[in-house]
Amino acid sequence: MKRLKILALSSLVLALVSCGGDKKESSIPTADSSATTTETTTTASSSASEYDPKRGLGKYDETNVDVSSFDPAMAAQGKAVADVKCISCHKTTDERLVGPGWKGVTERNTPHWIMNFISNPDPMIDVDPELQKQLELCLVRMPNQGLTDTEARNVLEYMREIDGAK
């Protein structure tokens, strides 16, 4: 019985550690910790007041995300990335798994909003009212999957394919 308890506890700890994300920040306080906290709070507050729900937060906007034509090769590469990093939580239908289904996502959001969200979800979850509603429904915060610019763009193209882009 004692071995079973140890095994169960070890499994729980391993699961929690493995789902922790790829955060590279140290939790060790430094002499500037209070300055960093104040700066982060100020940035979050100003981000919330300046937040554009059509664009999101991040480096992508209509000038650097071109979706004027559909690229099946990019969509195929996006599917390969999604199969590894996304599909364990998202279905390609409108059905919710852990996170919401992808069907219709490119009709509800702009391409640059999607790129900003999938490449760095944390700042947007903190300020976007729609994402906060999704969090209340799904109960799980989307982890940052560490997508490269190319991977994020390919996943967007795969999402466009799901929604009928040709």
Protein backbone atom coordinates (compact mmCIF):
# COMPACT_ATOMS: atom_id res chain seq x y z
CA MET A 1 0.00 0.00 0.00
CA LYS A 2 2.87 2.35 0.87
CA ARG A 3 4.48 1.70 -2.55
CA LEU A 4 1.18 2.52 -4.25
CA LYS A 5 0.96 5.85 -2.42
CA ILE A 6 4.55 6.72 -3.34
CA LEU A 7 3.94 5.74 -6.98
CA ALA A 8 0.73 7.84 -7.13
CA LEU A 9 2.42 10.84 -5.53
CA SER A 10 5.42 10.53 -7.86
CA SER A 11 3.11 10.37 -10.89
CA LEU A 12 1.23 13.47 -9.75
CA VAL A 13 4.44 15.43 -9.23
CA LEU A 14 5.75 14.33 -12.64
CA ALA A 15 2.49 15.37 -14.32
CA LEU A 16 2.53 18.79 -12.66
CA VAL A 17 6.16 19.40 -13.57
CA SER A 18 5.74 18.29 -17.17
CA CYS A 19 2.74 20.62 -17.70
CA GLY A 20 4.60 23.62 -16.32
CA GLY A 21 5.43 25.15 -19.71
CA ASP A 22 8.72 26.47 -21.01
CA LYS A 23 9.06 29.51 -18.77
CA LYS A 24 12.68 30.57 -18.57
CA GLU A 25 12.11 33.10 -15.78
CA SER A 26 13.65 32.54 -12.40
CA SER A 27 11.43 32.65 -9.33
CA ILE A 28 14.38 33.60 -7.14
CA PRO A 29 13.92 37.14 -5.82
CA THR A 30 16.61 39.64 -6.68
CA ALA A 31 17.41 43.14 -5.56
CA ASP A 32 15.29 44.54 -8.43
CA SER A 33 12.29 42.23 -7.86
CA SER A 34 10.06 45.03 -6.62
CA ALA A 35 10.94 47.23 -9.61
CA THR A 36 10.19 44.38 -12.00
CA THR A 37 6.85 43.70 -10.30
CA THR A 38 5.85 47.35 -10.50
CA GLU A 39 6.91 47.53 -14.15
CA THR A 40 4.98 44.35 -14.99
CA THR A 41 1.85 45.64 -13.22
CA THR A 42 2.08 48.98 -15.02
CA THR A 43 2.62 47.24 -18.37
CA ALA A 44 -0.35 44.93 -17.80
CA SER A 45 -2.57 47.86 -16.84
CA SER A 46 -1.56 49.94 -19.84
CA SER A 47 -1.87 46.87 -22.10
CA ALA A 48 -5.44 46.33 -20.92
CA SER A 49 -6.43 49.92 -21.67
CA GLU A 50 -4.68 49.91 -25.07
CA TYR A 51 -5.76 46.40 -26.06
CA ASP A 52 -7.13 46.03 -29.58
CA PRO A 53 -9.43 42.96 -29.76
CA LYS A 54 -8.97 42.80 -33.56
CA ARG A 55 -5.16 42.69 -33.33
CA GLY A 56 -4.34 41.20 -29.96
CA LEU A 57 -0.98 41.78 -28.30
CA GLY A 58 2.21 40.97 -30.12
CA LYS A 59 4.33 41.68 -33.15
CA TYR A 60 1.83 40.58 -35.79
CA ASP A 61 -0.52 42.95 -37.59
CA GLU A 62 -2.00 43.38 -41.08
CA THR A 63 1.39 44.52 -42.42
CA ASN A 64 3.26 41.29 -41.66
CA VAL A 65 0.60 38.54 -41.98
CA ASP A 66 -0.34 38.04 -45.62
CA VAL A 67 -3.31 35.76 -46.21
CA SER A 68 -4.15 37.00 -49.70
CA SER A 69 -3.70 33.51 -51.14
CA PHE A 70 -3.98 30.04 -49.66
CA ASP A 71 -0.83 27.88 -49.53
CA PRO A 72 -1.57 24.13 -49.26
CA ALA A 73 2.08 23.30 -48.52
CA MET A 74 2.07 25.66 -45.54
CA ALA A 75 -1.22 24.15 -44.37
CA ALA A 76 0.30 20.65 -44.54
CA GLN A 77 3.27 21.82 -42.47
CA GLY A 78 0.84 23.50 -40.07
CA LYS A 79 -1.09 20.26 -39.69
CA ALA A 80 2.15 18.46 -38.80
CA VAL A 81 2.91 21.07 -36.11
CA ALA A 82 -0.69 20.99 -34.85
CA ASP A 83 -0.65 17.20 -34.63
CA VAL A 84 2.27 17.44 -32.21
CA LYS A 85 1.50 20.61 -30.25
CA CYS A 86 -2.22 21.40 -30.53
CA ILE A 87 -4.51 18.49 -31.31
CA SER A 88 -4.22 16.92 -27.86
CA CYS A 89 -6.33 19.86 -26.61
CA HIS A 90 -8.21 21.12 -29.70
CA LYS A 91 -10.46 19.40 -32.23
CA THR A 92 -10.67 20.57 -35.83
CA THR A 93 -14.47 20.68 -35.49
CA ASP A 94 -16.42 23.19 -33.41
CA GLU A 95 -16.49 20.71 -30.52
CA ARG A 96 -14.55 21.58 -27.36
CA LEU A 97 -11.98 19.11 -26.07
CA VAL A 98 -9.75 20.73 -23.44
CA GLY A 99 -9.73 23.98 -25.42
CA PRO A 100 -12.26 25.20 -27.96
CA GLY A 101 -12.63 23.56 -31.36
CA TRP A 102 -10.93 25.26 -34.31
CA LYS A 103 -13.81 25.25 -36.79
CA GLY A 104 -14.68 28.87 -37.56
CA VAL A 105 -11.74 30.37 -35.67
CA THR A 106 -10.48 32.22 -38.76
CA GLU A 107 -13.96 33.66 -39.29
CA ARG A 108 -14.22 34.94 -35.71
CA ASN A 109 -10.68 36.38 -35.43
CA THR A 110 -8.28 38.25 -37.67
CA PRO A 111 -5.18 36.39 -38.92
CA HIS A 112 -2.83 38.63 -36.94
CA TRP A 113 -4.90 38.16 -33.75
CA ILE A 114 -4.57 34.37 -34.19
CA MET A 115 -0.82 34.64 -34.83
CA ASN A 116 -0.32 36.84 -31.75
CA PHE A 117 -2.36 34.48 -29.59
CA ILE A 118 -0.87 31.15 -30.66
CA SER A 119 2.70 32.46 -30.51
CA ASN A 120 2.38 34.07 -27.04
CA PRO A 121 -0.98 33.43 -25.33
CA ASP A 122 -0.25 34.63 -21.79
CA PRO A 123 -0.39 38.43 -22.25
CA MET A 124 -3.57 38.18 -24.31
CA ILE A 125 -5.34 35.89 -21.85
CA ASP A 126 -4.65 38.47 -19.15
CA VAL A 127 -6.46 41.30 -21.01
CA ASP A 128 -8.81 39.87 -23.65
CA PRO A 129 -12.40 39.56 -22.34
CA GLU A 130 -13.29 36.81 -24.86
CA LEU A 131 -10.24 34.74 -23.89
CA GLN A 132 -11.12 35.19 -20.23
CA LYS A 133 -14.63 33.83 -20.98
CA GLN A 134 -13.02 30.83 -22.74
CA LEU A 135 -10.80 30.28 -19.72
CA GLU A 136 -13.88 30.17 -17.49
CA LEU A 137 -15.42 27.53 -19.78
CA CYS A 138 -12.32 25.43 -20.38
CA LEU A 139 -10.74 25.87 -16.93
CA VAL A 140 -7.28 25.43 -18.45
CA ARG A 141 -5.02 28.26 -19.53
CA MET A 142 -3.54 27.69 -22.98
CA PRO A 143 0.18 26.99 -22.54
CA ASN A 144 2.79 28.72 -24.65
CA GLN A 145 3.90 26.01 -27.07
CA GLY A 146 7.02 27.94 -28.12
CA LEU A 147 5.98 28.15 -31.77
CA THR A 148 8.47 29.76 -34.13
CA ASP A 149 7.20 32.47 -36.49
CA THR A 150 7.12 29.92 -39.32
CA GLU A 151 5.29 27.31 -37.24
CA ALA A 152 2.70 29.87 -36.12
CA ARG A 153 2.12 31.00 -39.70
CA ASN A 154 1.80 27.40 -40.89
CA VAL A 155 -0.69 26.58 -38.12
CA LEU A 156 -2.71 29.64 -39.15
CA GLU A 157 -2.76 28.34 -42.72
CA TYR A 158 -3.95 24.95 -41.46
CA MET A 159 -6.73 26.69 -39.51
CA ARG A 160 -7.68 28.54 -42.71
CA GLU A 161 -7.82 25.19 -44.54
CA ILE A 162 -10.13 23.79 -41.84
CA ASP A 163 -12.42 26.78 -42.48
CA GLY A 164 -12.49 26.15 -46.22
CA ALA A 165 -9.71 28.38 -47.62
CA LYS A 166 -8.56 27.25 -51.04
